[in-house]
């Protein structure tokens, strides 16, 4: 019995250490830069700056399959599986398009330009410059899955419709935590807004 309690104690200590390390890492990680334009009860309007991403397009829209495969490929690239065997710092959040075929995206640290990045060993990995954009964002906690992502996508659409804010069909899922992080998990669904919505926001601010 003492051995069992000792083993459980060791496991608990290891769990706490991992969670503390993860929370510290989140505070120091480089993030996708944006400014909040306006806050509503269920969502907020943000302006994102033009940003470079490493991307991989996947043949499935299932969250579990696409996130696992996409993360493995992109994480391999930044952890040194590239032409220079160079490690690149992890950034946050991991972004995924919400379409029939998913594209997963890792933000490139701002010290790099497209021309200075090491070339990937995997042909399916590409570099893409995302232009500056205005989006609406809704947040949810816990672990993400297809049902939750769809639920909050629909909640965001309904909230935007209620406010008369027009939006495109370009929806994204943003995940901010590593799979082993248990506490303070954060996820978001965002959608790019249409030009007329942007004009309306300018006149109301």
C-alpha atoms as a PDB file:
ATOM      1  CA  UNK A   1       0.000   0.000   0.000  1.00  0.00           C
ATOM      2  CA  UNK A   2       2.842   2.408   0.826  1.00  0.00           C
ATOM      3  CA  UNK A   3       4.383   1.682  -2.567  1.00  0.00           C
ATOM      4  CA  UNK A   4       1.075   2.522  -4.258  1.00  0.00           C
ATOM      5  CA  UNK A   5       0.762   5.846  -2.414  1.00  0.00           C
ATOM      6  CA  UNK A   6       4.393   6.657  -3.228  1.00  0.00           C
ATOM      7  CA  UNK A   7       3.797   5.918  -6.915  1.00  0.00           C
ATOM      8  CA  UNK A   8       0.649   8.066  -6.951  1.00  0.00           C
ATOM      9  CA  UNK A   9       2.565  10.877  -5.247  1.00  0.00           C
ATOM     10  CA  UNK A  10       5.322  10.740  -7.865  1.00  0.00           C
ATOM     11  CA  UNK A  11       2.736  10.783 -10.667  1.00  0.00           C
ATOM     12  CA  UNK A  12       0.952  13.766  -9.088  1.00  0.00           C
ATOM     13  CA  UNK A  13       4.197  15.721  -8.687  1.00  0.00           C
ATOM     14  CA  UNK A  14       5.172  14.974 -12.302  1.00  0.00           C
ATOM     15  CA  UNK A  15       1.718  16.100 -13.483  1.00  0.00           C
ATOM     16  CA  UNK A  16       1.956  19.389 -11.560  1.00  0.00           C
ATOM     17  CA  UNK A  17       5.479  20.056 -12.876  1.00  0.00           C
ATOM     18  CA  UNK A  18       4.356  19.462 -16.477  1.00  0.00           C
ATOM     19  CA  UNK A  19       1.356  21.787 -16.065  1.00  0.00           C
ATOM     20  CA  UNK A  20       3.449  24.549 -14.488  1.00  0.00           C
ATOM     21  CA  UNK A  21       6.026  24.212 -17.260  1.00  0.00           C
ATOM     22  CA  UNK A  22       3.266  24.404 -19.878  1.00  0.00           C
ATOM     23  CA  UNK A  23       1.741  27.547 -18.334  1.00  0.00           C
ATOM     24  CA  UNK A  24       5.141  29.223 -18.156  1.00  0.00           C
ATOM     25  CA  UNK A  25       5.799  28.318 -21.774  1.00  0.00           C
ATOM     26  CA  UNK A  26       2.481  29.851 -22.855  1.00  0.00           C
ATOM     27  CA  UNK A  27       3.417  33.176 -21.248  1.00  0.00           C
ATOM     28  CA  UNK A  28       6.694  33.338 -23.175  1.00  0.00           C
ATOM     29  CA  UNK A  29       5.468  32.154 -26.578  1.00  0.00           C
ATOM     30  CA  UNK A  30       5.133  34.498 -29.569  1.00  0.00           C
ATOM     31  CA  UNK A  31       1.501  34.993 -30.630  1.00  0.00           C
ATOM     32  CA  UNK A  32      -0.456  36.067 -33.712  1.00  0.00           C
ATOM     33  CA  UNK A  33      -0.625  39.887 -33.301  1.00  0.00           C
ATOM     34  CA  UNK A  34      -3.983  41.667 -33.283  1.00  0.00           C
ATOM     35  CA  UNK A  35      -5.839  44.630 -31.803  1.00  0.00           C
ATOM     36  CA  UNK A  36      -9.384  44.497 -30.445  1.00  0.00           C
ATOM     37  CA  UNK A  37     -11.671  46.832 -32.418  1.00  0.00           C
ATOM     38  CA  UNK A  38     -14.894  46.281 -30.462  1.00  0.00           C
ATOM     39  CA  UNK A  39     -16.281  43.890 -27.820  1.00  0.00           C
ATOM     40  CA  UNK A  40     -19.755  42.346 -27.791  1.00  0.00           C
ATOM     41  CA  UNK A  41     -21.359  39.989 -25.275  1.00  0.00           C
ATOM     42  CA  UNK A  42     -20.467  36.783 -27.139  1.00  0.00           C
ATOM     43  CA  UNK A  43     -17.674  37.829 -29.485  1.00  0.00           C
ATOM     44  CA  UNK A  44     -15.183  40.547 -30.323  1.00  0.00           C
ATOM     45  CA  UNK A  45     -13.979  42.250 -33.486  1.00  0.00           C
ATOM     46  CA  UNK A  46     -10.222  42.099 -34.093  1.00  0.00           C
ATOM     47  CA  UNK A  47      -7.736  43.545 -36.557  1.00  0.00           C
ATOM     48  CA  UNK A  48      -4.953  41.097 -37.392  1.00  0.00           C
ATOM     49  CA  UNK A  49      -1.672  42.200 -38.917  1.00  0.00           C
ATOM     50  CA  UNK A  50      -0.246  40.627 -42.081  1.00  0.00           C
ATOM     51  CA  UNK A  51       1.628  37.526 -40.932  1.00  0.00           C
ATOM     52  CA  UNK A  52       3.664  34.694 -42.466  1.00  0.00           C
ATOM     53  CA  UNK A  53       2.655  31.071 -41.819  1.00  0.00           C
ATOM     54  CA  UNK A  54       3.955  27.599 -42.558  1.00  0.00           C
ATOM     55  CA  UNK A  55       1.009  25.579 -43.851  1.00  0.00           C
ATOM     56  CA  UNK A  56      -0.006  22.073 -44.860  1.00  0.00           C
ATOM     57  CA  UNK A  57      -3.227  21.151 -46.671  1.00  0.00           C
ATOM     58  CA  UNK A  58      -4.931  17.942 -45.563  1.00  0.00           C
ATOM     59  CA  UNK A  59      -7.440  15.741 -47.355  1.00  0.00           C
ATOM     60  CA  UNK A  60      -9.866  15.473 -44.437  1.00  0.00           C
ATOM     61  CA  UNK A  61     -12.031  17.914 -42.518  1.00  0.00           C
ATOM     62  CA  UNK A  62     -12.295  15.736 -39.384  1.00  0.00           C
ATOM     63  CA  UNK A  63     -10.689  17.651 -36.525  1.00  0.00           C
ATOM     64  CA  UNK A  64      -8.984  14.727 -34.788  1.00  0.00           C
ATOM     65  CA  UNK A  65      -7.445  13.314 -37.964  1.00  0.00           C
ATOM     66  CA  UNK A  66      -6.432  16.624 -39.526  1.00  0.00           C
ATOM     67  CA  UNK A  67      -5.047  18.131 -36.320  1.00  0.00           C
ATOM     68  CA  UNK A  68      -2.956  15.045 -35.569  1.00  0.00           C
ATOM     69  CA  UNK A  69      -1.546  14.700 -39.096  1.00  0.00           C
ATOM     70  CA  UNK A  70      -1.062  18.434 -39.657  1.00  0.00           C
ATOM     71  CA  UNK A  71       0.565  19.023 -36.280  1.00  0.00           C
ATOM     72  CA  UNK A  72       2.947  16.106 -36.825  1.00  0.00           C
ATOM     73  CA  UNK A  73       4.123  17.473 -40.193  1.00  0.00           C
ATOM     74  CA  UNK A  74       4.485  21.122 -39.140  1.00  0.00           C
ATOM     75  CA  UNK A  75       5.992  20.315 -35.739  1.00  0.00           C
ATOM     76  CA  UNK A  76       8.510  18.058 -37.477  1.00  0.00           C
ATOM     77  CA  UNK A  77       9.496  20.954 -39.723  1.00  0.00           C
ATOM     78  CA  UNK A  78      10.031  23.467 -36.898  1.00  0.00           C
ATOM     79  CA  UNK A  79      11.799  20.898 -34.706  1.00  0.00           C
ATOM     80  CA  UNK A  80      14.510  20.499 -37.359  1.00  0.00           C
ATOM     81  CA  UNK A  81      13.203  18.269 -40.144  1.00  0.00           C
ATOM     82  CA  UNK A  82      14.192  20.755 -42.849  1.00  0.00           C
ATOM     83  CA  UNK A  83      17.050  21.347 -45.289  1.00  0.00           C
ATOM     84  CA  UNK A  84      19.179  23.142 -42.672  1.00  0.00           C
ATOM     85  CA  UNK A  85      18.220  20.938 -39.703  1.00  0.00           C
ATOM     86  CA  UNK A  86      17.291  24.239 -38.043  1.00  0.00           C
ATOM     87  CA  UNK A  87      14.916  24.505 -35.100  1.00  0.00           C
ATOM     88  CA  UNK A  88      12.267  27.229 -35.182  1.00  0.00           C
ATOM     89  CA  UNK A  89      10.425  28.426 -32.085  1.00  0.00           C
ATOM     90  CA  UNK A  90       6.847  27.286 -31.559  1.00  0.00           C
ATOM     91  CA  UNK A  91       4.196  30.015 -31.764  1.00  0.00           C
ATOM     92  CA  UNK A  92       0.543  30.333 -30.791  1.00  0.00           C
ATOM     93  CA  UNK A  93      -2.178  29.738 -31.762  1.00  0.00           C
ATOM     94  CA  UNK A  94      -2.239  26.811 -34.173  1.00  0.00           C
ATOM     95  CA  UNK A  95      -4.761  27.770 -36.865  1.00  0.00           C
ATOM     96  CA  UNK A  96      -6.925  25.512 -39.019  1.00  0.00           C
ATOM     97  CA  UNK A  97      -9.288  26.498 -41.802  1.00  0.00           C
ATOM     98  CA  UNK A  98     -12.836  25.173 -41.400  1.00  0.00           C
ATOM     99  CA  UNK A  99     -13.498  23.831 -44.887  1.00  0.00           C
ATOM    100  CA  UNK A 100     -14.088  20.534 -46.715  1.00  0.00           C
ATOM    101  CA  UNK A 101     -10.308  20.098 -46.739  1.00  0.00           C
ATOM    102  CA  UNK A 102      -8.415  21.540 -43.785  1.00  0.00           C
ATOM    103  CA  UNK A 103      -5.264  23.662 -43.959  1.00  0.00           C
ATOM    104  CA  UNK A 104      -3.262  23.765 -40.729  1.00  0.00           C
ATOM    105  CA  UNK A 105      -1.060  26.807 -40.116  1.00  0.00           C
ATOM    106  CA  UNK A 106       1.799  27.632 -37.736  1.00  0.00           C
ATOM    107  CA  UNK A 107       2.709  31.306 -37.452  1.00  0.00           C
ATOM    108  CA  UNK A 108       6.329  32.003 -38.410  1.00  0.00           C
ATOM    109  CA  UNK A 109       8.304  33.927 -35.737  1.00  0.00           C
ATOM    110  CA  UNK A 110       8.652  37.566 -36.797  1.00  0.00           C
ATOM    111  CA  UNK A 111      12.457  37.373 -37.014  1.00  0.00           C
ATOM    112  CA  UNK A 112      12.060  35.283 -40.198  1.00  0.00           C
ATOM    113  CA  UNK A 113      11.066  36.296 -43.696  1.00  0.00           C
ATOM    114  CA  UNK A 114       9.894  33.879 -46.367  1.00  0.00           C
ATOM    115  CA  UNK A 115      13.309  34.050 -48.024  1.00  0.00           C
ATOM    116  CA  UNK A 116      15.224  33.261 -44.818  1.00  0.00           C
ATOM    117  CA  UNK A 117      13.212  30.244 -43.690  1.00  0.00           C
ATOM    118  CA  UNK A 118      14.822  26.806 -44.127  1.00  0.00           C
ATOM    119  CA  UNK A 119      13.248  24.808 -46.929  1.00  0.00           C
ATOM    120  CA  UNK A 120      11.033  21.926 -45.756  1.00  0.00           C
ATOM    121  CA  UNK A 121      11.882  18.310 -46.493  1.00  0.00           C
ATOM    122  CA  UNK A 122       8.181  17.540 -46.993  1.00  0.00           C
ATOM    123  CA  UNK A 123       6.787  18.789 -50.298  1.00  0.00           C
ATOM    124  CA  UNK A 124       3.314  19.383 -48.857  1.00  0.00           C
ATOM    125  CA  UNK A 125       4.570  22.104 -46.489  1.00  0.00           C
ATOM    126  CA  UNK A 126       4.275  25.617 -47.942  1.00  0.00           C
ATOM    127  CA  UNK A 127       4.806  29.202 -46.771  1.00  0.00           C
ATOM    128  CA  UNK A 128       1.851  31.571 -46.996  1.00  0.00           C
ATOM    129  CA  UNK A 129       1.553  35.285 -46.247  1.00  0.00           C
ATOM    130  CA  UNK A 130      -1.822  35.937 -44.618  1.00  0.00           C
ATOM    131  CA  UNK A 131      -2.875  39.532 -45.362  1.00  0.00           C
ATOM    132  CA  UNK A 132      -4.093  41.948 -42.716  1.00  0.00           C
ATOM    133  CA  UNK A 133      -7.722  41.159 -41.899  1.00  0.00           C
ATOM    134  CA  UNK A 134     -10.621  42.084 -39.655  1.00  0.00           C
ATOM    135  CA  UNK A 135     -12.387  39.156 -38.004  1.00  0.00           C
ATOM    136  CA  UNK A 136     -15.026  38.298 -35.432  1.00  0.00           C
ATOM    137  CA  UNK A 137     -13.853  35.842 -32.739  1.00  0.00           C
ATOM    138  CA  UNK A 138     -15.732  33.664 -30.253  1.00  0.00           C
ATOM    139  CA  UNK A 139     -13.942  31.676 -27.534  1.00  0.00           C
ATOM    140  CA  UNK A 140     -14.556  28.376 -25.743  1.00  0.00           C
ATOM    141  CA  UNK A 141     -12.580  26.307 -23.257  1.00  0.00           C
ATOM    142  CA  UNK A 142     -11.732  22.619 -22.792  1.00  0.00           C
ATOM    143  CA  UNK A 143     -10.628  20.230 -25.516  1.00  0.00           C
ATOM    144  CA  UNK A 144     -11.844  20.914 -29.049  1.00  0.00           C
ATOM    145  CA  UNK A 145     -13.665  18.450 -31.277  1.00  0.00           C
ATOM    146  CA  UNK A 146     -15.792  18.615 -34.431  1.00  0.00           C
ATOM    147  CA  UNK A 147     -19.035  19.085 -32.483  1.00  0.00           C
ATOM    148  CA  UNK A 148     -17.720  21.965 -30.365  1.00  0.00           C
ATOM    149  CA  UNK A 149     -16.140  23.729 -33.322  1.00  0.00           C
ATOM    150  CA  UNK A 150     -19.385  23.493 -35.305  1.00  0.00           C
ATOM    151  CA  UNK A 151     -21.431  24.597 -32.274  1.00  0.00           C
ATOM    152  CA  UNK A 152     -19.380  27.762 -31.758  1.00  0.00           C
ATOM    153  CA  UNK A 153     -19.226  28.467 -35.473  1.00  0.00           C
ATOM    154  CA  UNK A 154     -23.037  28.513 -35.499  1.00  0.00           C
ATOM    155  CA  UNK A 155     -23.163  30.618 -32.306  1.00  0.00           C
ATOM    156  CA  UNK A 156     -20.814  33.143 -33.901  1.00  0.00           C
ATOM    157  CA  UNK A 157     -22.895  33.285 -37.075  1.00  0.00           C
ATOM    158  CA  UNK A 158     -26.102  33.801 -35.095  1.00  0.00           C
ATOM    159  CA  UNK A 159     -24.520  36.553 -32.979  1.00  0.00           C
ATOM    160  CA  UNK A 160     -23.198  38.356 -36.070  1.00  0.00           C
ATOM    161  CA  UNK A 161     -26.559  38.050 -37.829  1.00  0.00           C
ATOM    162  CA  UNK A 162     -28.264  39.536 -34.758  1.00  0.00           C
ATOM    163  CA  UNK A 163     -25.933  42.544 -34.904  1.00  0.00           C
ATOM    164  CA  UNK A 164     -26.291  42.918 -38.684  1.00  0.00           C
ATOM    165  CA  UNK A 165     -22.574  42.294 -39.230  1.00  0.00           C
ATOM    166  CA  UNK A 166     -21.847  40.607 -42.561  1.00  0.00           C
ATOM    167  CA  UNK A 167     -19.118  37.978 -42.858  1.00  0.00           C
ATOM    168  CA  UNK A 168     -17.394  35.781 -45.416  1.00  0.00           C
ATOM    169  CA  UNK A 169     -17.285  31.968 -45.565  1.00  0.00           C
ATOM    170  CA  UNK A 170     -13.645  31.974 -44.359  1.00  0.00           C
ATOM    171  CA  UNK A 171     -13.841  30.455 -40.884  1.00  0.00           C
ATOM    172  CA  UNK A 172     -10.838  29.313 -38.835  1.00  0.00           C
ATOM    173  CA  UNK A 173     -10.302  27.356 -35.648  1.00  0.00           C
ATOM    174  CA  UNK A 174      -7.547  28.639 -33.339  1.00  0.00           C
ATOM    175  CA  UNK A 175      -6.085  26.359 -30.650  1.00  0.00           C
ATOM    176  CA  UNK A 176      -3.814  27.833 -27.994  1.00  0.00           C
ATOM    177  CA  UNK A 177      -2.683  24.828 -25.942  1.00  0.00           C
ATOM    178  CA  UNK A 178      -0.566  21.723 -26.292  1.00  0.00           C
ATOM    179  CA  UNK A 179      -2.515  18.421 -25.988  1.00  0.00           C
ATOM    180  CA  UNK A 180      -1.006  17.689 -22.546  1.00  0.00           C
ATOM    181  CA  UNK A 181      -2.154  21.009 -21.028  1.00  0.00           C
ATOM    182  CA  UNK A 182      -5.143  20.503 -18.740  1.00  0.00           C
ATOM    183  CA  UNK A 183      -5.802  23.914 -17.163  1.00  0.00           C
ATOM    184  CA  UNK A 184      -6.791  27.212 -18.779  1.00  0.00           C
ATOM    185  CA  UNK A 185      -7.396  25.683 -22.174  1.00  0.00           C
ATOM    186  CA  UNK A 186      -8.438  28.244 -24.789  1.00  0.00           C
ATOM    187  CA  UNK A 187      -9.942  27.781 -28.243  1.00  0.00           C
ATOM    188  CA  UNK A 188     -11.541  30.181 -30.704  1.00  0.00           C
ATOM    189  CA  UNK A 189     -13.533  30.219 -33.902  1.00  0.00           C
ATOM    190  CA  UNK A 190     -12.966  33.281 -36.060  1.00  0.00           C
ATOM    191  CA  UNK A 191     -14.410  34.481 -39.355  1.00  0.00           C
ATOM    192  CA  UNK A 192     -13.263  37.195 -41.751  1.00  0.00           C
ATOM    193  CA  UNK A 193     -15.720  40.091 -42.109  1.00  0.00           C
ATOM    194  CA  UNK A 194     -17.000  41.576 -45.353  1.00  0.00           C
ATOM    195  CA  UNK A 195     -16.196  45.057 -46.615  1.00  0.00           C
ATOM    196  CA  UNK A 196     -19.607  46.509 -45.789  1.00  0.00           C
ATOM    197  CA  UNK A 197     -19.254  45.296 -42.198  1.00  0.00           C
ATOM    198  CA  UNK A 198     -15.918  47.081 -41.951  1.00  0.00           C
ATOM    199  CA  UNK A 199     -17.450  50.302 -43.250  1.00  0.00           C
ATOM    200  CA  UNK A 200     -20.224  50.019 -40.652  1.00  0.00           C
ATOM    201  CA  UNK A 201     -17.741  49.496 -37.842  1.00  0.00           C
ATOM    202  CA  UNK A 202     -15.820  52.596 -38.894  1.00  0.00           C
ATOM    203  CA  UNK A 203     -18.957  54.743 -38.721  1.00  0.00           C
ATOM    204  CA  UNK A 204     -19.968  53.413 -35.277  1.00  0.00           C
ATOM    205  CA  UNK A 205     -16.531  53.863 -33.625  1.00  0.00           C
END
